[in-house]
């Protein structure tokens, strides 16, 4: 093996040009403005995978409408702990974005976030009973203040007319409504963050593929970087590496050789949406409406009819329709899944396969479903929908985390997972939803793990960015009200 050349390491290398890397770079640059930070992206532009607005649901996950965060327990009660956690995390993101707007680092809020009511909607007596119980569990919590509930078709029609027009009058229905919801264009947010960082000295290199990551003798990391244009190969060094490459993160962490990644695997799920840009159709619906997932469906496949606002133009999306592709990225390789298999993750992957047969059946059913049956799923939400007004789009790839488990062999994770080396010099993010919406608290958590010696020195700066950092809004109703109101004003969410 050739000896290492004495290359001066960069302070930070971020792999992947999406919302995660942009968020971490934006935080780190304010904490350590003297550090040299470089972002590598393998495509010709940033935010073209999961951060692209048409590759994600853009909900601004605040757990106001997503029923998978409020599961029904065997005794019939509804557990809202996960919803509280997700909402707490989203409030941290809102505070950081507000700070960036106030300091001029982000443009007008309308360029990336817009007020959009969040609605949960179900039909059938059993689901109506669940919704009633869920509402009772949420209505008095400080983070869900103002949520409304109705089983009356006329009231629901006022909230979202398209849900009621053409529906059978004797069908039991129920909905909750929150005016506090929002739609977020994470593509625009990523671009604005990155452009501002570049103007302030942070480096971005596009069309760059990381071929290898290895530990240097001095403890830093050596990265072999291949240019997609010209096929040149460069070797760089970094003291800290963040792998925010979406579905590509698993293989890159495997290449690093850190023991913490042993046993981890990934299960890719592709998705499709129906989209309408017809002004007449879009005008009939201005909300994000989430229903209940089919039996066996992963949380990311909860059906929803969404208003999306991209580049100032509203559209509607319905889905997702799950599919399967062995790719770990939308622009990835058909060999991605197979190349991720190692001796140490075969058992966790097989055990997850055997213990999640309902998910396998669900995916097979989705793959076998006809166009007509898929469109009928939209009509369950919007009875008057017509096929001519909608077209199909392919969403981003999601790689669900398979995590090693001592007792079960492996478990399928439906959230995000941060994997960090013992010395904190390299970290990566695996998983999917709620992902982008909770990028800010995820990155703060990552920094606490990777830079524990800096915490005291950084604390004051962090609190200027997120005034409630370290506090639980759900335990302080007055602070929750003040924080939500303050960020709503700054982000123009009272429009």
Foldseek 3Di string as FASTA:
>chain_A
DDADDPFDAAAEEEEALFLLSLLLLLQVCLLCVPGAYEYEAQAPDHCPFCLAQQQAQQWLQQLQAQCVCWDQDPVRATDNPSSLVSNLLLLQVLLLVLLCLVVVLFDALVQWKEFFKAKEKDWDPVVQSSVVNVCVVPDPFLSNDPKDKDQDLVVVCVQFVLQRVPDDPPIGMMMIIDRLIMGGNRSSVSVSSVVSVVVSRHHYDYSKDFPAWEAHPVGWIWTWIFHNPPRDIDIHIYQAYEYAHQLVSLVHVVRHVFPLSFQKAWFKKWWKKKKFQPPVVQVNGGHKYWYADDVLAASSFTWIWHWHAHSNGTMIITTTQIEDACASKPPGDSCNRVVSDDPRHPQLVVLQCVVRVSNVVSRVCSVPDDPVVVVVVVCNRRVPDDPVRIDMDIHIMWIWMWHQDPPRRTHTHADKDKGAHQQLRYIYIHGPPPPSSSSNVVSVVSCCRNPVVCCVVSVVVSCSSPVQPPHRCSVPSVVSVVSSVVSCVSSVHVD
